[in-house]
């Protein structure tokens, strides 16, 4: 966990039931990897936090298998960007079908401004870090993500789709 979270928030992010998340959290607490603490915003609620030992264990878990990381790194930048765009469209379709929870990716973030710059290599802008970045820098999971209002998310997708020459209808209805 990047920050303390309520059980319902964690369950929604993982796409599991609250009961399933509760069982898992109980095991992590019993092993000394997580703890429950009072939520300062609501004394009746509990927040879940990784213990220092839990953070150490989490730090040892690779983000992706080394072979996969190496294979992706070997692709030319333009192919990585195309693969990332396709993966984002796939995730979007699954989210809209209710098959997976909403991911914390650029297109759904209030800090993201797609194609805000004329620079073809770095057309996008992140207001959180106040920096321009390119297509290959789009994130599928961001710890600093702030959920954008629905109309902003739709507008972000439309701008991304238009730049790729893909209509929103084609993306949603593959």
N, C-alpha and C. Protein backbone atom coordinates (compact mmCIF):
# COMPACT_ATOMS: atom_id res chain seq x y z
N UNK A 1 0.84 -1.18 0.00
CA UNK A 1 0.00 0.00 0.00
C UNK A 1 0.88 1.24 0.00
N UNK A 2 0.54 2.19 -0.81
CA UNK A 2 1.31 3.43 -0.87
C UNK A 2 0.94 4.36 0.28
N UNK A 3 -0.30 4.31 0.69
CA UNK A 3 -0.79 5.17 1.76
C UNK A 3 -1.85 4.37 2.51
N UNK A 4 -2.16 4.77 3.71
CA UNK A 4 -3.22 4.05 4.43
C UNK A 4 -4.54 4.10 3.66
N UNK A 5 -5.25 2.99 3.65
CA UNK A 5 -6.53 2.91 2.93
C UNK A 5 -7.56 2.21 3.79
N UNK A 6 -8.81 2.55 3.53
CA UNK A 6 -9.91 1.80 4.14
C UNK A 6 -10.07 0.49 3.38
N UNK A 7 -10.62 -0.50 4.06
CA UNK A 7 -10.79 -1.82 3.47
C UNK A 7 -11.60 -1.76 2.17
N UNK A 8 -12.69 -1.01 2.16
CA UNK A 8 -13.53 -0.92 0.96
C UNK A 8 -12.76 -0.35 -0.22
N UNK A 9 -11.92 0.65 0.03
CA UNK A 9 -11.12 1.26 -1.02
C UNK A 9 -10.11 0.25 -1.58
N UNK A 10 -9.47 -0.49 -0.69
CA UNK A 10 -8.51 -1.51 -1.10
C UNK A 10 -9.19 -2.61 -1.91
N UNK A 11 -10.34 -3.07 -1.44
CA UNK A 11 -11.08 -4.13 -2.14
C UNK A 11 -11.49 -3.65 -3.54
N UNK A 12 -11.96 -2.42 -3.64
CA UNK A 12 -12.38 -1.89 -4.95
C UNK A 12 -11.18 -1.80 -5.90
N UNK A 13 -10.05 -1.36 -5.38
CA UNK A 13 -8.86 -1.24 -6.22
C UNK A 13 -8.40 -2.60 -6.73
N UNK A 14 -8.50 -3.61 -5.89
CA UNK A 14 -8.07 -4.96 -6.26
C UNK A 14 -9.14 -5.71 -7.05
N UNK A 15 -10.37 -5.21 -7.04
CA UNK A 15 -11.45 -5.88 -7.76
C UNK A 15 -11.91 -7.15 -7.07
N UNK A 16 -11.88 -7.14 -5.72
CA UNK A 16 -12.32 -8.30 -4.95
C UNK A 16 -13.41 -7.86 -3.98
N UNK A 17 -14.08 -8.82 -3.39
CA UNK A 17 -15.13 -8.49 -2.42
C UNK A 17 -14.49 -7.99 -1.13
N UNK A 18 -15.26 -7.24 -0.36
CA UNK A 18 -14.78 -6.76 0.93
C UNK A 18 -14.45 -7.93 1.85
N UNK A 19 -15.23 -9.01 1.76
CA UNK A 19 -14.97 -10.18 2.60
C UNK A 19 -13.63 -10.83 2.25
N UNK A 20 -13.35 -10.93 0.96
CA UNK A 20 -12.08 -11.51 0.52
C UNK A 20 -10.92 -10.63 0.96
N UNK A 21 -11.06 -9.32 0.79
CA UNK A 21 -10.00 -8.40 1.21
C UNK A 21 -9.81 -8.46 2.72
N UNK A 22 -10.90 -8.58 3.45
CA UNK A 22 -10.82 -8.67 4.91
C UNK A 22 -10.04 -9.90 5.36
N UNK A 23 -10.29 -11.03 4.71
CA UNK A 23 -9.56 -12.26 5.04
C UNK A 23 -8.06 -12.08 4.78
N UNK A 24 -7.74 -11.49 3.65
CA UNK A 24 -6.34 -11.28 3.29
C UNK A 24 -5.67 -10.32 4.26
N UNK A 25 -6.36 -9.23 4.59
CA UNK A 25 -5.81 -8.25 5.52
C UNK A 25 -5.59 -8.88 6.89
N UNK A 26 -6.53 -9.71 7.33
CA UNK A 26 -6.37 -10.38 8.63
C UNK A 26 -5.10 -11.22 8.65
N UNK A 27 -4.81 -11.92 7.55
CA UNK A 27 -3.60 -12.73 7.46
C UNK A 27 -2.35 -11.85 7.48
N UNK A 28 -2.40 -10.72 6.77
CA UNK A 28 -1.25 -9.80 6.76
C UNK A 28 -1.01 -9.19 8.14
N UNK A 29 -2.08 -8.85 8.83
CA UNK A 29 -1.95 -8.31 10.18
C UNK A 29 -1.35 -9.37 11.11
N UNK A 30 -1.85 -10.61 11.01
CA UNK A 30 -1.34 -11.70 11.85
C UNK A 30 0.15 -11.96 11.62
N UNK A 31 0.61 -11.73 10.40
CA UNK A 31 2.02 -11.94 10.07
C UNK A 31 2.89 -10.71 10.36
N UNK A 32 2.27 -9.64 10.85
CA UNK A 32 3.02 -8.43 11.17
C UNK A 32 3.39 -7.60 9.95
N UNK A 33 2.70 -7.81 8.82
CA UNK A 33 3.01 -7.08 7.60
C UNK A 33 2.11 -5.87 7.40
N UNK A 34 0.99 -5.82 8.10
CA UNK A 34 0.06 -4.69 8.01
C UNK A 34 -0.55 -4.46 9.38
N UNK A 35 -1.10 -3.28 9.56
CA UNK A 35 -1.82 -3.00 10.80
C UNK A 35 -3.02 -2.14 10.51
N UNK A 36 -3.96 -2.20 11.42
CA UNK A 36 -5.17 -1.37 11.32
C UNK A 36 -5.02 -0.24 12.32
N UNK A 37 -5.42 0.97 11.90
CA UNK A 37 -5.35 2.12 12.80
C UNK A 37 -6.58 2.98 12.59
N UNK A 38 -6.89 3.80 13.58
CA UNK A 38 -8.06 4.67 13.49
C UNK A 38 -7.87 5.68 12.35
N UNK A 39 -8.96 5.95 11.67
CA UNK A 39 -8.96 6.96 10.61
C UNK A 39 -9.17 8.31 11.28
N UNK A 40 -8.22 9.24 11.17
CA UNK A 40 -8.39 10.54 11.83
C UNK A 40 -9.61 11.31 11.33
N UNK A 41 -10.06 11.00 10.11
CA UNK A 41 -11.22 11.69 9.54
C UNK A 41 -12.53 11.11 10.04
N UNK A 42 -12.51 9.88 10.57
CA UNK A 42 -13.72 9.20 11.02
C UNK A 42 -13.31 8.15 12.06
N UNK A 43 -13.52 8.46 13.30
CA UNK A 43 -13.10 7.59 14.40
C UNK A 43 -13.70 6.20 14.34
N UNK A 44 -14.82 6.02 13.63
CA UNK A 44 -15.43 4.69 13.53
C UNK A 44 -14.75 3.83 12.48
N UNK A 45 -14.04 4.46 11.56
CA UNK A 45 -13.42 3.73 10.45
C UNK A 45 -11.98 3.35 10.79
N UNK A 46 -11.48 2.33 10.10
CA UNK A 46 -10.11 1.87 10.26
C UNK A 46 -9.36 2.03 8.95
N UNK A 47 -8.11 2.41 9.07
CA UNK A 47 -7.22 2.48 7.92
C UNK A 47 -6.25 1.32 7.99
N UNK A 48 -5.85 0.84 6.84
CA UNK A 48 -4.86 -0.23 6.75
C UNK A 48 -3.54 0.39 6.33
N UNK A 49 -2.48 -0.02 7.01
CA UNK A 49 -1.16 0.52 6.71
C UNK A 49 -0.16 -0.62 6.73
N UNK A 50 0.79 -0.58 5.80
CA UNK A 50 1.87 -1.57 5.81
C UNK A 50 2.81 -1.23 6.95
N UNK A 51 3.26 -2.24 7.67
CA UNK A 51 4.27 -2.05 8.71
C UNK A 51 5.63 -1.88 8.03
N UNK A 52 6.65 -1.45 8.76
CA UNK A 52 7.98 -1.39 8.14
C UNK A 52 8.40 -2.75 7.56
N UNK A 53 8.10 -3.83 8.26
CA UNK A 53 8.42 -5.16 7.73
C UNK A 53 7.61 -5.44 6.46
N UNK A 54 6.35 -5.05 6.44
CA UNK A 54 5.52 -5.21 5.26
C UNK A 54 6.04 -4.42 4.08
N UNK A 55 6.55 -3.21 4.34
CA UNK A 55 7.13 -2.40 3.28
C UNK A 55 8.39 -3.05 2.72
N UNK A 56 9.19 -3.66 3.60
CA UNK A 56 10.40 -4.35 3.15
C UNK A 56 10.04 -5.53 2.25
N UNK A 57 9.04 -6.30 2.65
CA UNK A 57 8.61 -7.44 1.84
C UNK A 57 8.08 -6.96 0.50
N UNK A 58 7.27 -5.92 0.51
CA UNK A 58 6.70 -5.39 -0.74
C UNK A 58 7.80 -4.88 -1.66
N UNK A 59 8.84 -4.27 -1.11
CA UNK A 59 9.93 -3.74 -1.93
C UNK A 59 10.69 -4.85 -2.66
N UNK A 60 10.65 -6.05 -2.13
CA UNK A 60 11.37 -7.18 -2.76
C UNK A 60 10.57 -7.84 -3.88
N UNK A 61 9.30 -7.49 -4.00
CA UNK A 61 8.45 -8.08 -5.04
C UNK A 61 8.69 -7.31 -6.34
N UNK A 62 9.14 -8.00 -7.38
CA UNK A 62 9.39 -7.28 -8.64
C UNK A 62 8.08 -6.77 -9.23
N UNK A 63 8.17 -5.60 -9.88
CA UNK A 63 6.99 -5.01 -10.52
C UNK A 63 6.53 -5.87 -11.69
N UNK A 64 7.46 -6.50 -12.37
CA UNK A 64 7.15 -7.35 -13.51
C UNK A 64 8.27 -8.38 -13.64
N UNK A 65 7.96 -9.54 -14.20
CA UNK A 65 9.02 -10.54 -14.41
C UNK A 65 10.15 -9.95 -15.26
N UNK A 66 11.38 -10.30 -14.93
CA UNK A 66 12.55 -9.76 -15.63
C UNK A 66 12.51 -10.04 -17.12
N UNK A 67 12.06 -11.23 -17.51
CA UNK A 67 12.02 -11.56 -18.94
C UNK A 67 11.05 -10.65 -19.68
N UNK A 68 9.92 -10.35 -19.07
CA UNK A 68 8.94 -9.47 -19.70
C UNK A 68 9.50 -8.05 -19.81
N UNK A 69 10.11 -7.57 -18.74
CA UNK A 69 10.70 -6.24 -18.75
C UNK A 69 11.77 -6.13 -19.83
N UNK A 70 12.61 -7.14 -19.97
CA UNK A 70 13.67 -7.13 -20.98
C UNK A 70 13.09 -7.15 -22.39
N UNK A 71 12.05 -7.96 -22.59
CA UNK A 71 11.44 -8.04 -23.93
C UNK A 71 10.82 -6.72 -24.32
N UNK A 72 10.16 -6.06 -23.39
CA UNK A 72 9.54 -4.76 -23.69
C UNK A 72 10.62 -3.71 -23.94
N UNK A 73 11.68 -3.74 -23.12
CA UNK A 73 12.77 -2.77 -23.29
C UNK A 73 13.46 -2.93 -24.64
N UNK A 74 13.45 -4.13 -25.19
CA UNK A 74 14.11 -4.38 -26.48
C UNK A 74 13.32 -3.83 -27.67
N UNK A 75 12.05 -3.52 -27.47
CA UNK A 75 11.24 -2.96 -28.56
C UNK A 75 11.65 -1.53 -28.86
N UNK A 76 11.61 -1.14 -30.12
CA UNK A 76 11.84 0.28 -30.43
C UNK A 76 10.78 1.13 -29.72
N UNK A 77 11.14 2.37 -29.41
CA UNK A 77 10.25 3.26 -28.68
C UNK A 77 8.87 3.41 -29.29
N UNK A 78 8.81 3.48 -30.62
CA UNK A 78 7.51 3.65 -31.28
C UNK A 78 6.63 2.41 -31.07
N UNK A 79 7.23 1.22 -31.08
CA UNK A 79 6.45 -0.01 -30.85
C UNK A 79 6.00 -0.10 -29.40
N UNK A 80 6.85 0.34 -28.46
CA UNK A 80 6.43 0.36 -27.05
C UNK A 80 5.24 1.29 -26.87
N UNK A 81 5.30 2.45 -27.51
CA UNK A 81 4.20 3.41 -27.40
C UNK A 81 2.91 2.83 -27.99
N UNK A 82 3.01 2.15 -29.15
CA UNK A 82 1.83 1.54 -29.76
C UNK A 82 1.26 0.44 -28.87
N UNK A 83 2.15 -0.36 -28.28
CA UNK A 83 1.71 -1.43 -27.40
C UNK A 83 0.99 -0.85 -26.17
N UNK A 84 1.56 0.21 -25.62
CA UNK A 84 0.95 0.85 -24.46
C UNK A 84 -0.41 1.43 -24.81
N UNK A 85 -0.53 2.06 -25.96
CA UNK A 85 -1.83 2.62 -26.38
C UNK A 85 -2.86 1.50 -26.54
N UNK A 86 -2.46 0.40 -27.15
CA UNK A 86 -3.38 -0.73 -27.31
C UNK A 86 -3.78 -1.33 -25.98
N UNK A 87 -2.84 -1.43 -25.08
CA UNK A 87 -3.13 -1.97 -23.75
C UNK A 87 -4.10 -1.05 -23.00
N UNK A 88 -3.91 0.25 -23.12
CA UNK A 88 -4.83 1.19 -22.48
C UNK A 88 -6.24 1.05 -23.03
N UNK A 89 -6.36 0.89 -24.34
CA UNK A 89 -7.69 0.73 -24.94
C UNK A 89 -8.33 -0.58 -24.47
N UNK A 90 -7.54 -1.63 -24.35
CA UNK A 90 -8.05 -2.90 -23.85
C UNK A 90 -8.54 -2.76 -22.40
N UNK A 91 -7.74 -2.13 -21.57
CA UNK A 91 -8.12 -1.91 -20.16
C UNK A 91 -9.39 -1.06 -20.11
N UNK A 92 -9.45 -0.04 -20.93
CA UNK A 92 -10.64 0.83 -20.95
C UNK A 92 -11.89 0.03 -21.29
N UNK A 93 -11.81 -0.81 -22.30
CA UNK A 93 -12.97 -1.62 -22.69
C UNK A 93 -13.39 -2.56 -21.57
N UNK A 94 -12.42 -3.16 -20.90
CA UNK A 94 -12.74 -4.06 -19.77
C UNK A 94 -13.37 -3.29 -18.61
N UNK A 95 -12.88 -2.08 -18.36
CA UNK A 95 -13.45 -1.25 -17.30
C UNK A 95 -14.89 -0.89 -17.63
N UNK A 96 -15.13 -0.46 -18.86
CA UNK A 96 -16.47 -0.05 -19.25
C UNK A 96 -17.45 -1.22 -19.26
N UNK A 97 -16.93 -2.43 -19.45
CA UNK A 97 -17.77 -3.63 -19.40
C UNK A 97 -17.99 -4.10 -17.96
N UNK A 98 -17.31 -3.45 -17.02
CA UNK A 98 -17.45 -3.84 -15.61
C UNK A 98 -16.67 -5.10 -15.26
N UNK A 99 -15.75 -5.51 -16.13
CA UNK A 99 -14.98 -6.73 -15.90
C UNK A 99 -13.80 -6.51 -14.95
N UNK A 100 -13.29 -5.27 -14.88
CA UNK A 100 -12.19 -4.94 -13.98
C UNK A 100 -12.46 -3.58 -13.36
N UNK A 101 -11.84 -3.30 -12.20
CA UNK A 101 -12.03 -1.97 -11.60
C UNK A 101 -11.26 -0.91 -12.39
N UNK A 102 -11.65 0.34 -12.20
CA UNK A 102 -10.97 1.45 -12.86
C UNK A 102 -9.53 1.49 -12.37
N UNK A 103 -8.61 1.56 -13.32
CA UNK A 103 -7.19 1.63 -13.01
C UNK A 103 -6.76 3.08 -12.84
N UNK A 104 -5.70 3.26 -12.09
CA UNK A 104 -5.18 4.61 -11.85
C UNK A 104 -4.19 4.96 -12.96
N UNK A 105 -4.74 5.17 -14.17
CA UNK A 105 -3.88 5.48 -15.30
C UNK A 105 -4.11 6.92 -15.76
N UNK A 106 -3.20 7.40 -16.56
CA UNK A 106 -3.22 8.80 -16.98
C UNK A 106 -4.59 9.25 -17.49
N UNK A 107 -5.20 8.47 -18.36
CA UNK A 107 -6.44 8.90 -19.00
C UNK A 107 -7.57 9.18 -18.02
N UNK A 108 -7.53 8.59 -16.83
CA UNK A 108 -8.58 8.81 -15.85
C UNK A 108 -8.14 9.77 -14.73
N UNK A 109 -7.03 10.46 -14.95
CA UNK A 109 -6.45 11.30 -13.89
C UNK A 109 -6.75 12.78 -14.10
N UNK A 110 -7.05 13.46 -13.02
CA UNK A 110 -7.35 14.89 -13.09
C UNK A 110 -6.11 15.73 -13.43
N UNK A 111 -4.91 15.16 -13.24
CA UNK A 111 -3.68 15.89 -13.53
C UNK A 111 -3.22 15.75 -14.98
N UNK A 112 -3.87 14.88 -15.74
CA UNK A 112 -3.42 14.56 -17.10
C UNK A 112 -4.06 15.48 -18.12
N UNK A 113 -3.21 16.02 -19.01
CA UNK A 113 -3.68 16.83 -20.13
C UNK A 113 -3.09 16.25 -21.41
N UNK A 114 -3.88 15.45 -22.14
CA UNK A 114 -3.37 14.83 -23.36
C UNK A 114 -3.16 15.85 -24.48
N UNK A 115 -2.09 15.68 -25.20
CA UNK A 115 -1.77 16.51 -26.36
C UNK A 115 -1.89 18.01 -26.05
N UNK A 116 -1.30 18.39 -24.93
CA UNK A 116 -1.30 19.78 -24.51
C UNK A 116 -0.14 20.57 -25.13
N UNK A 117 0.84 19.84 -25.69
CA UNK A 117 2.03 20.49 -26.25
C UNK A 117 2.18 20.14 -27.73
N UNK A 118 2.80 21.04 -28.47
CA UNK A 118 3.02 20.82 -29.90
C UNK A 118 4.20 19.89 -30.17
N UNK A 119 4.99 19.58 -29.18
CA UNK A 119 6.15 18.71 -29.32
C UNK A 119 5.68 17.26 -29.55
N UNK A 120 5.94 16.72 -30.73
CA UNK A 120 5.49 15.36 -31.06
C UNK A 120 6.11 14.31 -30.16
N UNK A 121 7.31 14.56 -29.66
CA UNK A 121 7.98 13.58 -28.79
C UNK A 121 7.44 13.64 -27.35
N UNK A 122 6.92 14.80 -26.96
CA UNK A 122 6.40 14.98 -25.59
C UNK A 122 5.12 15.81 -25.62
N UNK A 123 4.05 15.22 -26.15
CA UNK A 123 2.82 16.01 -26.33
C UNK A 123 1.96 16.16 -25.08
N UNK A 124 2.09 15.23 -24.12
CA UNK A 124 1.20 15.21 -22.95
C UNK A 124 1.79 16.02 -21.80
N UNK A 125 0.91 16.37 -20.87
CA UNK A 125 1.37 17.14 -19.70
C UNK A 125 0.76 16.55 -18.43
N UNK A 126 1.58 16.44 -17.40
CA UNK A 126 1.11 16.03 -16.07
C UNK A 126 1.19 17.25 -15.16
N UNK A 127 0.03 17.72 -14.71
CA UNK A 127 0.00 18.89 -13.82
C UNK A 127 0.54 18.56 -12.43
N UNK A 128 0.53 17.28 -12.04
CA UNK A 128 1.03 16.92 -10.71
C UNK A 128 2.51 17.23 -10.60
N UNK A 129 3.29 16.88 -11.62
CA UNK A 129 4.73 17.15 -11.61
C UNK A 129 5.09 18.32 -12.51
N UNK A 130 4.09 18.90 -13.17
CA UNK A 130 4.27 20.02 -14.08
C UNK A 130 5.35 19.73 -15.11
N UNK A 131 5.12 18.64 -15.86
CA UNK A 131 6.10 18.23 -16.87
C UNK A 131 5.42 17.64 -18.10
N UNK A 132 6.06 17.85 -19.24
CA UNK A 132 5.61 17.25 -20.49
C UNK A 132 6.21 15.85 -20.58
N UNK A 133 5.52 14.95 -21.28
CA UNK A 133 6.04 13.60 -21.48
C UNK A 133 5.43 13.00 -22.74
N UNK A 134 6.08 11.94 -23.22
CA UNK A 134 5.67 11.30 -24.45
C UNK A 134 4.74 10.13 -24.25
N UNK A 135 4.31 9.55 -25.37
CA UNK A 135 3.35 8.44 -25.36
C UNK A 135 3.86 7.26 -24.54
N UNK A 136 5.14 6.96 -24.64
CA UNK A 136 5.71 5.83 -23.90
C UNK A 136 5.73 6.08 -22.39
N UNK A 137 5.52 7.32 -21.97
CA UNK A 137 5.51 7.66 -20.55
C UNK A 137 4.13 7.56 -19.91
N UNK A 138 3.10 7.26 -20.71
CA UNK A 138 1.76 7.11 -20.13
C UNK A 138 1.78 5.98 -19.11
N UNK A 139 1.16 6.20 -17.98
CA UNK A 139 1.15 5.20 -16.91
C UNK A 139 -0.17 4.44 -16.88
N UNK A 140 -0.04 3.16 -16.56
CA UNK A 140 -1.22 2.33 -16.35
C UNK A 140 -1.57 2.26 -14.87
N UNK A 141 -0.63 2.58 -14.01
CA UNK A 141 -0.81 2.55 -12.56
C UNK A 141 0.07 3.65 -11.97
N UNK A 142 -0.56 4.62 -11.33
CA UNK A 142 0.19 5.75 -10.78
C UNK A 142 -0.22 6.00 -9.33
N UNK A 143 0.75 6.02 -8.47
CA UNK A 143 0.50 6.27 -7.05
C UNK A 143 0.02 7.69 -6.77
N UNK A 144 0.25 8.61 -7.70
CA UNK A 144 -0.17 9.99 -7.50
C UNK A 144 -1.47 10.32 -8.22
N UNK A 145 -2.13 9.30 -8.74
CA UNK A 145 -3.37 9.45 -9.50
C UNK A 145 -4.44 10.13 -8.68
N UNK A 146 -5.13 11.05 -9.31
CA UNK A 146 -6.31 11.69 -8.73
C UNK A 146 -7.44 11.51 -9.72
N UNK A 147 -8.50 10.84 -9.33
CA UNK A 147 -9.59 10.52 -10.26
C UNK A 147 -10.19 11.80 -10.83
N UNK A 148 -10.26 11.84 -12.15
CA UNK A 148 -10.86 12.97 -12.85
C UNK A 148 -12.38 12.81 -12.87
N UNK A 149 -13.11 13.91 -12.96
CA UNK A 149 -14.56 13.80 -13.15
C UNK A 149 -14.84 13.05 -14.45
N UNK A 150 -16.00 12.44 -14.56
CA UNK A 150 -16.34 11.61 -15.71
C UNK A 150 -16.21 12.37 -17.03
N UNK A 151 -16.65 13.63 -17.07
CA UNK A 151 -16.57 14.38 -18.33
C UNK A 151 -15.13 14.64 -18.74
N UNK A 152 -14.25 14.84 -17.77
CA UNK A 152 -12.83 15.04 -18.08
C UNK A 152 -12.21 13.74 -18.60
N UNK A 153 -12.57 12.61 -18.00
CA UNK A 153 -12.06 11.32 -18.45
C UNK A 153 -12.49 11.06 -19.89
N UNK A 154 -13.76 11.32 -20.20
CA UNK A 154 -14.26 11.15 -21.57
C UNK A 154 -13.47 12.03 -22.53
N UNK A 155 -13.25 13.28 -22.15
CA UNK A 155 -12.50 14.20 -23.01
C UNK A 155 -11.06 13.72 -23.20
N UNK A 156 -10.44 13.22 -22.13
CA UNK A 156 -9.07 12.68 -22.25
C UNK A 156 -9.03 11.55 -23.26
N UNK A 157 -9.97 10.60 -23.13
CA UNK A 157 -10.00 9.46 -24.06
C UNK A 157 -10.23 9.93 -25.48
N UNK A 158 -11.12 10.89 -25.67
CA UNK A 158 -11.41 11.39 -27.02
C UNK A 158 -10.17 12.00 -27.65
N UNK A 159 -9.40 12.76 -26.88
CA UNK A 159 -8.18 13.37 -27.43
C UNK A 159 -7.14 12.32 -27.75
N UNK A 160 -7.01 11.30 -26.87
CA UNK A 160 -6.06 10.22 -27.14
C UNK A 160 -6.48 9.43 -28.38
N UNK A 161 -7.76 9.12 -28.46
CA UNK A 161 -8.29 8.38 -29.61
C UNK A 161 -8.08 9.15 -30.91
N UNK A 162 -8.39 10.44 -30.89
CA UNK A 162 -8.27 11.26 -32.10
C UNK A 162 -6.83 11.29 -32.59
N UNK A 163 -5.89 11.38 -31.69
CA UNK A 163 -4.47 11.41 -32.08
C UNK A 163 -4.04 10.09 -32.71
N UNK A 164 -4.69 9.00 -32.31
CA UNK A 164 -4.36 7.68 -32.87
C UNK A 164 -5.19 7.37 -34.11
N UNK A 165 -6.14 8.25 -34.44
CA UNK A 165 -7.01 8.01 -35.58
C UNK A 165 -8.02 6.91 -35.33
N UNK A 166 -8.41 6.74 -34.08
CA UNK A 166 -9.37 5.71 -33.69
C UNK A 166 -10.59 6.42 -33.11
N UNK A 167 -11.77 5.98 -33.52
CA UNK A 167 -12.97 6.59 -32.96
C UNK A 167 -13.27 5.92 -31.62
N UNK A 168 -13.95 6.64 -30.75
CA UNK A 168 -14.31 6.08 -29.45
C UNK A 168 -15.20 4.86 -29.61
N UNK A 169 -16.05 4.86 -30.65
CA UNK A 169 -16.92 3.72 -30.87
C UNK A 169 -16.10 2.47 -31.14
N UNK A 170 -15.06 2.60 -31.97
CA UNK A 170 -14.21 1.44 -32.29
C UNK A 170 -13.51 0.91 -31.05
N UNK A 171 -13.10 1.81 -30.16
CA UNK A 171 -12.39 1.40 -28.96
C UNK A 171 -13.30 0.64 -28.01
N UNK A 172 -14.46 1.18 -27.74
CA UNK A 172 -15.37 0.58 -26.77
C UNK A 172 -15.98 -0.71 -27.30
N UNK A 173 -16.25 -0.78 -28.59
CA UNK A 173 -16.94 -1.93 -29.17
C UNK A 173 -16.03 -2.72 -30.10
N UNK A 174 -14.99 -3.30 -29.52
CA UNK A 174 -13.98 -4.01 -30.32
C UNK A 174 -14.57 -5.19 -31.06
